[in-house]
C-alpha atoms as a PDB file:
ATOM      1  CA  MET A   1      -0.130   0.044  -0.155  1.00  0.00           C
ATOM      2  CA  ASN A   2       1.166   3.544  -0.813  1.00  0.00           C
ATOM      3  CA  ILE A   3       0.961   6.281   1.691  1.00  0.00           C
ATOM      4  CA  SER A   4      -1.486   8.876   0.654  1.00  0.00           C
ATOM      5  CA  ASN A   5      -1.026  11.378   3.583  1.00  0.00           C
ATOM      6  CA  GLN A   6       1.413  14.270   2.137  1.00  0.00           C
ATOM      7  CA  GLN A   7       2.703  15.508   5.725  1.00  0.00           C
ATOM      8  CA  VAL A   8       3.674  11.756   5.928  1.00  0.00           C
ATOM      9  CA  THR A   9       5.107  11.431   2.571  1.00  0.00           C
ATOM     10  CA  GLY A  10       7.111  14.550   3.199  1.00  0.00           C
ATOM     11  CA  HIS A  11       8.620  13.810   6.529  1.00  0.00           C
ATOM     12  CA  SER A  12      12.125  12.736   7.395  1.00  0.00           C
ATOM     13  CA  PHE A  13      11.166  10.012   9.987  1.00  0.00           C
ATOM     14  CA  LEU A  14      13.914   9.545  12.955  1.00  0.00           C
ATOM     15  CA  GLU A  15      16.048  12.226  11.486  1.00  0.00           C
ATOM     16  CA  ALA A  16      18.097  12.960  14.558  1.00  0.00           C
ATOM     17  CA  LEU A  17      19.168   9.266  14.712  1.00  0.00           C
ATOM     18  CA  TYR A  18      20.207   9.148  11.233  1.00  0.00           C
ATOM     19  CA  ARG A  19      22.353  12.217  11.774  1.00  0.00           C
ATOM     20  CA  ASP A  20      24.033  10.723  15.021  1.00  0.00           C
ATOM     21  CA  GLY A  21      26.818   8.484  14.405  1.00  0.00           C
ATOM     22  CA  TYR A  22      25.861   6.676  17.686  1.00  0.00           C
ATOM     23  CA  TYR A  23      23.102   4.563  15.995  1.00  0.00           C
ATOM     24  CA  PRO A  24      23.393   2.143  13.171  1.00  0.00           C
ATOM     25  CA  ASP A  25      21.709   3.199  10.023  1.00  0.00           C
ATOM     26  CA  ARG A  26      20.406  -0.308   9.561  1.00  0.00           C
ATOM     27  CA  ALA A  27      18.572  -0.290  12.933  1.00  0.00           C
ATOM     28  CA  VAL A  28      17.347   3.030  12.228  1.00  0.00           C
ATOM     29  CA  ASP A  29      15.883   1.990   8.840  1.00  0.00           C
ATOM     30  CA  ARG A  30      14.300  -0.547  10.832  1.00  0.00           C
ATOM     31  CA  GLY A  31      12.788   1.807  12.659  1.00  0.00           C
ATOM     32  CA  LYS A  32      11.516   4.264   9.818  1.00  0.00           C
ATOM     33  CA  GLU A  33      10.182   1.092   8.278  1.00  0.00           C
ATOM     34  CA  ILE A  34       7.812   0.394  11.403  1.00  0.00           C
ATOM     35  CA  LEU A  35       6.917   4.021  11.569  1.00  0.00           C
ATOM     36  CA  LEU A  36       5.871   3.619   7.886  1.00  0.00           C
ATOM     37  CA  ARG A  37       3.779   0.463   8.427  1.00  0.00           C
ATOM     38  CA  LEU A  38       2.043   2.052  11.152  1.00  0.00           C
ATOM     39  CA  CYS A  39       1.064   4.982   8.699  1.00  0.00           C
ATOM     40  CA  GLU A  40      -0.295   2.305   6.264  1.00  0.00           C
ATOM     41  CA  ARG A  41      -2.107   0.328   9.042  1.00  0.00           C
ATOM     42  CA  ILE A  42      -3.642   3.921   9.891  1.00  0.00           C
ATOM     43  CA  GLU A  43      -4.933   4.705   6.261  1.00  0.00           C
ATOM     44  CA  ALA A  44      -5.880   1.120   5.781  1.00  0.00           C
ATOM     45  CA  ASP A  45      -7.797   0.575   9.011  1.00  0.00           C
ATOM     46  CA  ARG A  46      -9.014   4.350   9.486  1.00  0.00           C
ATOM     47  CA  PRO A  47      -9.243   4.165  13.527  1.00  0.00           C
ATOM     48  CA  ALA A  48     -12.377   5.652  14.491  1.00  0.00           C
ATOM     49  CA  ASP A  49     -11.182   7.354  17.996  1.00  0.00           C
ATOM     50  CA  LEU A  50      -8.132   7.741  19.952  1.00  0.00           C
ATOM     51  CA  ALA A  51      -8.343   4.152  21.707  1.00  0.00           C
ATOM     52  CA  ALA A  52      -8.402   2.940  18.140  1.00  0.00           C
ATOM     53  CA  LEU A  53      -5.356   4.614  17.182  1.00  0.00           C
ATOM     54  CA  TYR A  54      -3.525   3.436  20.621  1.00  0.00           C
ATOM     55  CA  VAL A  55      -4.037   0.037  19.848  1.00  0.00           C
ATOM     56  CA  LEU A  56      -2.292   0.726  16.314  1.00  0.00           C
ATOM     57  CA  THR A  57       0.685   2.549  17.587  1.00  0.00           C
ATOM     58  CA  GLN A  58       1.031   0.258  21.002  1.00  0.00           C
ATOM     59  CA  ALA A  59       1.717  -2.474  18.503  1.00  0.00           C
ATOM     60  CA  ALA A  60       3.986  -0.554  16.399  1.00  0.00           C
ATOM     61  CA  THR A  61       5.925   0.112  19.690  1.00  0.00           C
ATOM     62  CA  GLU A  62       6.225  -3.601  20.685  1.00  0.00           C
ATOM     63  CA  GLU A  63       8.165  -3.909  17.149  1.00  0.00           C
ATOM     64  CA  PHE A  64      10.418  -1.222  18.312  1.00  0.00           C
ATOM     65  CA  ASN A  65      10.937  -3.218  21.939  1.00  0.00           C
ATOM     66  CA  ASP A  66      11.893  -6.113  19.576  1.00  0.00           C
ATOM     67  CA  LEU A  67      14.128  -3.950  17.706  1.00  0.00           C
ATOM     68  CA  GLN A  68      16.529  -3.344  20.731  1.00  0.00           C
ATOM     69  CA  ASP A  69      20.119  -5.377  20.838  1.00  0.00           C
ATOM     70  CA  ASP A  70      23.249  -5.326  21.319  1.00  0.00           C
ATOM     71  CA  ASP A  71      23.731  -2.726  18.332  1.00  0.00           C
ATOM     72  CA  PHE A  72      20.837  -0.424  19.004  1.00  0.00           C
ATOM     73  CA  ASP A  73      20.084   0.406  22.416  1.00  0.00           C
ATOM     74  CA  ILE A  74      17.022   2.910  22.934  1.00  0.00           C
ATOM     75  CA  GLU A  75      18.087   5.409  25.452  1.00  0.00           C
ATOM     76  CA  THR A  76      17.180   8.932  25.922  1.00  0.00           C
ATOM     77  CA  VAL A  77      18.087  10.513  22.702  1.00  0.00           C
ATOM     78  CA  ALA A  78      16.297   7.517  20.462  1.00  0.00           C
ATOM     79  CA  ARG A  79      13.537   7.659  22.887  1.00  0.00           C
ATOM     80  CA  GLU A  80      12.740  11.121  22.661  1.00  0.00           C
ATOM     81  CA  GLU A  81      12.937  10.844  18.758  1.00  0.00           C
ATOM     82  CA  ILE A  82      10.932   7.848  18.638  1.00  0.00           C
ATOM     83  CA  ALA A  83       8.421   9.239  20.736  1.00  0.00           C
ATOM     84  CA  GLU A  84       8.042  12.459  18.729  1.00  0.00           C
ATOM     85  CA  ASN A  85       7.864  10.597  15.369  1.00  0.00           C
ATOM     86  CA  PHE A  86       4.584   8.676  16.996  1.00  0.00           C
ATOM     87  CA  TRP A  87       3.202  12.054  18.228  1.00  0.00           C
ATOM     88  CA  PHE A  88       4.207  13.352  14.586  1.00  0.00           C
ATOM     89  CA  VAL A  89       2.138  10.386  12.964  1.00  0.00           C
ATOM     90  CA  ALA A  90      -0.802  10.706  15.148  1.00  0.00           C
ATOM     91  CA  ASP A  91      -0.715  14.807  14.453  1.00  0.00           C
ATOM     92  CA  ALA A  92      -0.460  14.143  10.995  1.00  0.00           C
ATOM     93  CA  TYR A  93      -3.827  11.466  10.847  1.00  0.00           C
ATOM     94  CA  GLY A  94      -5.940  14.232  12.630  1.00  0.00           C
ATOM     95  CA  PHE A  95      -5.200  13.189  16.328  1.00  0.00           C
ATOM     96  CA  ALA A  96      -3.473  16.236  17.736  1.00  0.00           C
ATOM     97  CA  GLY A  97      -4.929  15.747  20.963  1.00  0.00           C
ATOM     98  CA  ALA A  98      -3.158  12.102  21.429  1.00  0.00           C
ATOM     99  CA  ASP A  99      -1.188  11.619  24.619  1.00  0.00           C
ATOM    100  CA  VAL A 100       2.520  10.698  23.485  1.00  0.00           C
ATOM    101  CA  GLU A 101       2.761   8.616  26.701  1.00  0.00           C
ATOM    102  CA  GLU A 102      -0.469   6.631  25.442  1.00  0.00           C
ATOM    103  CA  LEU A 103       0.847   6.439  21.850  1.00  0.00           C
ATOM    104  CA  ILE A 104       4.182   4.409  23.436  1.00  0.00           C
ATOM    105  CA  ALA A 105       2.572   3.178  26.534  1.00  0.00           C
ATOM    106  CA  THR A 106       3.700  -0.629  25.552  1.00  0.00           C
ATOM    107  CA  ARG A 107       7.578   0.406  25.403  1.00  0.00           C
ATOM    108  CA  ASP A 108      10.268  -1.441  27.619  1.00  0.00           C
ATOM    109  CA  TRP A 109      12.785   1.272  26.346  1.00  0.00           C
END
């Protein structure tokens, strides 16, 4: 599925992590893929309310949980960047009132 939301297609996901040499590009690429799949799910499923959106974002958050390994530690800088990108997605799809902590409530980072 192609993403139709113009805000999303023009957004540079996880840009701060790409600029920081601490994070391996291959791990950041996988994180970007998670966020893009989330956008595809939102466009396909069209969540009717915040509760439905949170189900989708929390599933994506669990994918980030699985992304952590010896080469990619989600610490403070990454945590903030990932959270900001989740909020960007919520806002881009009309959920400006989303609680960022609820968007990523299933995180273990």
